[in-house]
Protein backbone atom coordinates (compact mmCIF):
# COMPACT_ATOMS: atom_id res chain seq x y z
CA MET A 1 224.81 61.73 91.90
CA GLY A 2 227.17 60.99 94.77
CA ASP A 3 228.86 63.46 97.06
CA SER A 4 232.15 63.03 95.23
CA GLU A 5 230.54 64.06 91.94
CA ALA A 6 229.04 67.16 93.55
CA ASP A 7 232.42 67.96 95.11
CA LYS A 8 234.15 67.58 91.75
CA LEU A 9 231.57 69.81 90.09
CA ALA A 10 231.88 72.47 92.77
CA GLU A 11 235.67 72.29 92.54
CA TYR A 12 235.55 72.58 88.74
CA LEU A 13 233.19 75.57 88.89
CA ALA A 14 235.34 77.31 91.49
CA GLU A 15 238.48 76.79 89.40
CA LYS A 16 236.73 77.95 86.23
CA ALA A 17 235.42 81.07 87.97
CA LYS A 18 238.91 81.83 89.28
CA GLN A 19 240.38 81.51 85.79
CA ASP A 20 237.63 83.66 84.31
CA GLN A 21 238.21 86.30 86.98
CA GLU A 22 241.94 86.41 86.23
CA LYS A 23 241.22 86.83 82.51
CA GLU A 24 238.74 89.61 83.19
CA GLN A 25 241.22 91.56 85.28
CA GLU A 26 243.53 91.63 82.26
CA SER A 27 240.82 92.72 79.82
CA GLU A 28 238.27 95.51 79.49
CA PRO A 29 235.37 95.99 81.94
CA LEU A 30 232.67 93.33 82.00
CA SER A 31 229.91 93.37 79.46
CA ALA A 32 226.38 93.04 80.82
CA TYR A 33 226.35 89.44 79.57
CA ASP A 34 229.59 88.51 81.36
CA ALA A 35 228.40 90.15 84.57
CA CYS A 36 225.18 88.13 84.37
CA VAL A 37 227.10 84.89 83.75
CA LEU A 38 229.31 85.54 86.78
CA ARG A 39 226.30 86.25 89.01
CA GLU A 40 224.59 83.07 87.85
CA SER A 41 227.72 80.95 88.36
CA ASP A 42 228.02 82.33 91.90
CA ARG A 43 224.37 81.41 92.49
CA VAL A 44 224.97 77.89 91.19
CA ARG A 45 227.95 77.47 93.54
CA GLU A 46 225.83 78.63 96.48
CA LEU A 47 223.07 76.18 95.54
CA ILE A 48 225.59 73.32 95.29
CA ALA A 49 227.09 74.23 98.66
CA GLY A 50 223.61 74.36 100.20
CA ALA A 51 222.71 70.99 98.73
CA GLN A 52 225.92 69.49 100.06
CA ARG A 53 225.19 70.84 103.55
CA CYS A 54 221.66 69.39 103.42
CA SER A 55 222.91 65.99 102.27
CA LYS A 56 225.48 65.90 105.06
CA ASP A 57 222.80 66.80 107.63
CA ASN A 58 220.66 63.86 106.48
């Protein structure tokens, strides 16, 4: 997996999270499931960013 693929994935996840957030603001409060999904997607984005930093350092 090249850097560009990781960048595209990170970009896609960020855009998806932004869209989900906008939808949630319009709807009722988060269910426990949705809150968990958001936390996990944030964690995935952090892991991707960390991996990208490590790959750039090497």
